[in-house]
């Protein structure tokens, strides 16, 4: 948790120091590896600087005969120019891609195209914040996992306390809870929070409030924007009995 808190603090400081007040987050849940692949390819094409014709790339994008690699290139090229026609073409394709395997790639290209357009129209630098879990309305999405003190099962009363205190603390801070799931000896929360929110303080406060009723929650917890852990992955974490925060 401290690692992510430090990263967020540094990111906030960087944006403030550079006077950047506009940033973009991919709303879809796209693996970080795929996002990085896109931006490496984007940089490769930018460096190559080979001329292309917008309408020809649009035709390739919607051609049933073009290959996946050709369409990846077309999406990336179209996203590189401040052109409304290029943006609309990517938007149309992304809404119902002919190739399902390009759903994520077209989502990234659409956001990239939006950033290029906004930068050109406003004259202001735009920033992309990469996250495997995405976000919404300039809120970041994170997954958090909490366990009981000794991995003992929660009582019904403890489950009620957890739900009440965490929802109270998070909602008070305008954090949106998308999923809240309580199991026998752990619970997880998928949340969206404003960029400026000190989530560490909020979650720690919720733990402290719960522990006033018997010190039953572990103070250590997992906090990540990389992926939502499956039940199997959570069980493997618990079985190792290692610190998870």
Protein backbone atom coordinates (compact mmCIF):
# COMPACT_ATOMS: atom_id res chain seq x y z
CA UNK A 1 0.00 0.00 0.00
CA UNK A 2 2.84 2.42 0.85
CA UNK A 3 4.32 1.90 -2.60
CA UNK A 4 1.10 2.91 -4.36
CA UNK A 5 0.58 5.84 -2.02
CA UNK A 6 4.08 7.10 -2.86
CA UNK A 7 3.47 6.67 -6.58
CA UNK A 8 0.23 8.63 -6.39
CA UNK A 9 1.89 11.38 -4.33
CA UNK A 10 4.70 11.72 -6.88
CA UNK A 11 2.22 11.77 -9.76
CA UNK A 12 0.13 14.48 -8.10
CA UNK A 13 3.28 16.53 -7.43
CA UNK A 14 4.47 16.18 -11.03
CA UNK A 15 1.13 17.34 -12.46
CA UNK A 16 0.99 20.27 -10.05
CA UNK A 17 4.58 21.33 -10.70
CA UNK A 18 4.04 21.28 -14.46
CA UNK A 19 0.71 23.06 -14.22
CA UNK A 20 -1.17 20.20 -15.83
CA UNK A 21 -4.85 20.23 -14.90
CA UNK A 22 -6.17 17.73 -17.42
CA UNK A 23 -5.45 14.03 -17.51
CA UNK A 24 -7.02 11.00 -19.14
CA UNK A 25 -7.63 7.48 -17.87
CA UNK A 26 -8.66 4.52 -19.98
CA UNK A 27 -12.09 3.52 -18.69
CA UNK A 28 -11.92 -0.08 -19.91
CA UNK A 29 -10.04 -2.77 -18.00
CA UNK A 30 -7.08 -3.40 -20.29
CA UNK A 31 -3.97 -5.28 -19.11
CA UNK A 32 -0.97 -3.00 -18.54
CA UNK A 33 1.13 -5.19 -20.85
CA UNK A 34 -1.23 -4.53 -23.75
CA UNK A 35 -1.27 -0.80 -23.06
CA UNK A 36 2.53 -0.75 -23.05
CA UNK A 37 2.62 -2.74 -26.30
CA UNK A 38 0.37 -0.13 -27.91
CA UNK A 39 2.49 2.82 -26.80
CA UNK A 40 5.75 1.14 -27.82
CA UNK A 41 4.26 0.56 -31.26
CA UNK A 42 2.92 4.14 -31.34
CA UNK A 43 6.43 5.44 -30.58
CA UNK A 44 7.94 3.17 -33.23
CA UNK A 45 5.59 4.54 -35.90
CA UNK A 46 6.15 8.11 -34.70
CA UNK A 47 9.92 7.69 -34.97
CA UNK A 48 9.65 6.07 -38.42
CA UNK A 49 7.56 9.06 -39.52
CA UNK A 50 6.41 7.38 -42.71
CA UNK A 51 3.72 9.34 -44.65
CA UNK A 52 0.24 7.89 -44.82
CA UNK A 53 -3.13 8.87 -46.22
CA UNK A 54 -5.93 9.12 -43.69
CA UNK A 55 -8.71 7.83 -45.95
CA UNK A 56 -6.62 4.85 -47.04
CA UNK A 57 -6.04 3.86 -43.40
CA UNK A 58 -9.76 4.22 -42.67
CA UNK A 59 -10.53 1.94 -45.62
CA UNK A 60 -8.09 -0.66 -44.27
CA UNK A 61 -9.67 -0.42 -40.83
CA UNK A 62 -13.11 -1.38 -42.14
CA UNK A 63 -11.96 -3.83 -44.78
CA UNK A 64 -12.93 -7.48 -44.12
CA UNK A 65 -9.81 -8.55 -46.02
CA UNK A 66 -7.22 -6.62 -43.97
CA UNK A 67 -5.15 -8.53 -41.42
CA UNK A 68 -5.07 -7.92 -37.68
CA UNK A 69 -1.60 -6.39 -37.96
CA UNK A 70 -2.69 -4.06 -40.75
CA UNK A 71 -5.62 -2.86 -38.66
CA UNK A 72 -3.42 -2.38 -35.60
CA UNK A 73 -1.21 -0.15 -37.69
CA UNK A 74 -4.16 1.77 -39.10
CA UNK A 75 -5.67 2.34 -35.67
CA UNK A 76 -2.35 3.57 -34.32
CA UNK A 77 -1.67 5.86 -37.27
CA UNK A 78 -5.16 7.36 -37.20
CA UNK A 79 -4.80 8.01 -33.45
CA UNK A 80 -1.60 9.96 -34.05
CA UNK A 81 -3.17 12.88 -35.94
CA UNK A 82 -5.45 15.71 -34.67
CA UNK A 83 -8.21 14.92 -37.11
CA UNK A 84 -11.91 14.66 -36.27
CA UNK A 85 -12.54 12.28 -39.17
CA UNK A 86 -9.83 9.93 -37.89
CA UNK A 87 -11.27 10.12 -34.39
CA UNK A 88 -14.81 9.33 -35.57
CA UNK A 89 -13.55 6.38 -37.60
CA UNK A 90 -11.78 4.90 -34.58
CA UNK A 91 -14.87 5.55 -32.46
CA UNK A 92 -17.11 3.76 -34.96
CA UNK A 93 -14.79 0.77 -35.18
CA UNK A 94 -14.31 0.56 -31.40
CA UNK A 95 -18.06 0.53 -30.78
CA UNK A 96 -18.35 -2.79 -32.61
CA UNK A 97 -14.97 -4.09 -33.82
CA UNK A 98 -15.01 -6.51 -36.72
CA UNK A 99 -12.17 -8.32 -34.95
CA UNK A 100 -12.97 -8.92 -31.25
CA UNK A 101 -9.26 -9.29 -30.49
CA UNK A 102 -8.80 -5.62 -31.37
CA UNK A 103 -11.36 -4.40 -28.81
CA UNK A 104 -8.66 -3.37 -26.32
CA UNK A 105 -6.32 -1.95 -28.97
CA UNK A 106 -9.09 0.18 -30.45
CA UNK A 107 -10.07 1.41 -26.97
CA UNK A 108 -6.53 2.62 -26.35
CA UNK A 109 -6.36 4.16 -29.83
CA UNK A 110 -9.64 6.00 -29.21
CA UNK A 111 -8.34 7.52 -26.00
CA UNK A 112 -5.04 8.38 -27.68
CA UNK A 113 -6.90 10.10 -30.51
CA UNK A 114 -8.98 12.06 -27.99
CA UNK A 115 -5.84 13.23 -26.22
CA UNK A 116 -4.23 14.36 -29.49
CA UNK A 117 -7.39 16.24 -30.47
CA UNK A 118 -7.75 17.91 -27.07
CA UNK A 119 -4.10 18.94 -27.06
CA UNK A 120 -4.43 20.46 -30.53
CA UNK A 121 -7.67 22.30 -29.77
CA UNK A 122 -6.77 23.58 -26.30
CA UNK A 123 -3.05 24.14 -26.79
CA UNK A 124 -2.54 22.52 -23.39
CA UNK A 125 -0.49 19.47 -22.55
CA UNK A 126 -2.60 16.37 -21.91
CA UNK A 127 -1.51 13.46 -19.72
CA UNK A 128 -2.40 9.77 -19.95
CA UNK A 129 -2.42 7.79 -16.70
CA UNK A 130 -1.91 4.09 -17.34
CA UNK A 131 -3.82 1.64 -15.16
CA UNK A 132 -4.76 -1.97 -15.67
CA UNK A 133 -8.11 -1.35 -13.98
CA UNK A 134 -8.83 1.92 -15.76
CA UNK A 135 -11.04 4.61 -14.29
CA UNK A 136 -14.04 6.83 -14.91
CA UNK A 137 -14.66 10.58 -14.92
CA UNK A 138 -11.08 11.30 -13.79
CA UNK A 139 -11.39 8.81 -10.95
CA UNK A 140 -8.91 5.96 -10.57
CA UNK A 141 -10.07 2.37 -10.12
CA UNK A 142 -8.32 0.23 -7.52
CA UNK A 143 -8.84 -3.21 -6.05
CA UNK A 144 -8.21 -3.72 -2.35
CA UNK A 145 -8.09 -6.88 -0.25
CA UNK A 146 -8.39 -7.11 3.55
CA UNK A 147 -8.17 -10.10 5.88
CA UNK A 148 -9.00 -10.98 9.44
CA UNK A 149 -6.19 -10.74 11.97
CA UNK A 150 -5.28 -14.44 12.08
CA UNK A 151 -7.29 -15.56 9.06
CA UNK A 152 -10.06 -16.68 11.37
CA UNK A 153 -13.62 -16.51 10.04
CA UNK A 154 -15.60 -13.33 10.57
CA UNK A 155 -18.66 -13.48 12.77
CA UNK A 156 -21.92 -12.11 11.42
CA UNK A 157 -21.51 -9.05 13.64
CA UNK A 158 -17.99 -8.44 12.36
CA UNK A 159 -19.23 -8.62 8.77
CA UNK A 160 -21.87 -6.01 9.58
CA UNK A 161 -19.26 -3.76 11.19
CA UNK A 162 -16.92 -4.07 8.19
CA UNK A 163 -19.62 -3.22 5.70
CA UNK A 164 -20.94 -0.31 7.75
CA UNK A 165 -17.60 1.32 8.57
CA UNK A 166 -15.95 0.94 5.17
CA UNK A 167 -18.98 2.16 3.27
CA UNK A 168 -19.32 5.12 5.62
CA UNK A 169 -15.66 6.17 5.35
CA UNK A 170 -15.45 5.71 1.58
CA UNK A 171 -18.75 7.33 0.68
CA UNK A 172 -17.95 10.28 2.95
CA UNK A 173 -14.81 10.85 0.85
CA UNK A 174 -16.76 10.58 -2.43
CA UNK A 175 -15.19 7.23 -3.24
CA UNK A 176 -17.46 5.13 -5.44
CA UNK A 177 -17.77 1.49 -4.41
CA UNK A 178 -18.31 -0.66 -7.48
CA UNK A 179 -18.03 -4.02 -5.76
CA UNK A 180 -17.92 -4.94 -2.08
CA UNK A 181 -17.61 -8.65 -1.33
CA UNK A 182 -17.22 -10.21 2.10
CA UNK A 183 -16.07 -13.82 2.39
CA UNK A 184 -15.40 -16.03 5.41
CA UNK A 185 -12.08 -14.47 6.46
CA UNK A 186 -11.42 -11.72 3.94
CA UNK A 187 -13.22 -9.04 1.97
CA UNK A 188 -12.45 -7.10 -1.19
CA UNK A 189 -13.48 -3.72 -2.56
CA UNK A 190 -13.35 -2.44 -6.13
CA UNK A 191 -13.49 1.33 -5.94
CA UNK A 192 -13.21 4.55 -7.91
CA UNK A 193 -11.68 7.50 -6.10
CA UNK A 194 -10.88 11.12 -7.00
CA UNK A 195 -7.26 11.67 -7.98
CA UNK A 196 -6.58 14.01 -5.06
CA UNK A 197 -8.04 11.69 -2.42
CA UNK A 198 -5.71 10.20 0.20
CA UNK A 199 -7.14 6.71 0.02
CA UNK A 200 -4.55 5.29 2.42
CA UNK A 201 -5.81 7.51 5.22
CA UNK A 202 -9.44 6.59 4.50
CA UNK A 203 -8.84 2.83 4.47
CA UNK A 204 -6.68 3.00 7.58
CA UNK A 205 -9.38 4.98 9.35
CA UNK A 206 -11.96 2.35 8.42
CA UNK A 207 -9.73 -0.44 9.78
CA UNK A 208 -9.19 1.48 13.03
CA UNK A 209 -12.92 2.00 13.47
CA UNK A 210 -13.60 -1.69 12.89
CA UNK A 211 -10.86 -2.71 15.32
CA UNK A 212 -12.49 -0.74 18.11
CA UNK A 213 -14.87 -3.71 18.22
CA UNK A 214 -12.31 -6.38 18.97
CA UNK A 215 -9.14 -5.75 16.94
CA UNK A 216 -10.14 -8.38 14.37
CA UNK A 217 -8.78 -6.86 11.12
CA UNK A 218 -5.19 -7.10 9.91
CA UNK A 219 -3.73 -3.60 9.43
CA UNK A 220 -1.93 -4.79 6.31
CA UNK A 221 -3.88 -4.89 3.08
CA UNK A 222 -3.38 -5.21 -0.66
CA UNK A 223 -4.08 -2.18 -2.86
CA UNK A 224 -3.54 -2.40 -6.60
CA UNK A 225 -4.62 -0.91 -9.92
CA UNK A 226 -3.13 -3.76 -11.97
CA UNK A 227 -5.90 -6.37 -11.81
CA UNK A 228 -8.84 -7.75 -9.84
CA UNK A 229 -7.69 -10.89 -8.07
CA UNK A 230 -9.71 -14.05 -8.62
CA UNK A 231 -10.84 -16.22 -5.71
CA UNK A 232 -8.10 -18.71 -6.60
CA UNK A 233 -5.41 -16.01 -6.52
CA UNK A 234 -6.68 -14.72 -3.19
CA UNK A 235 -6.61 -18.22 -1.71
CA UNK A 236 -3.01 -18.66 -2.83
CA UNK A 237 -2.11 -15.41 -1.09
CA UNK A 238 -3.80 -16.51 2.10
CA UNK A 239 -2.21 -19.95 2.04
CA UNK A 240 1.27 -18.43 1.90
CA UNK A 241 0.43 -16.46 5.05
CA UNK A 242 2.72 -13.68 3.91
CA UNK A 243 2.12 -9.94 4.33
CA UNK A 244 -0.22 -8.79 1.53
CA UNK A 245 0.21 -5.04 1.88
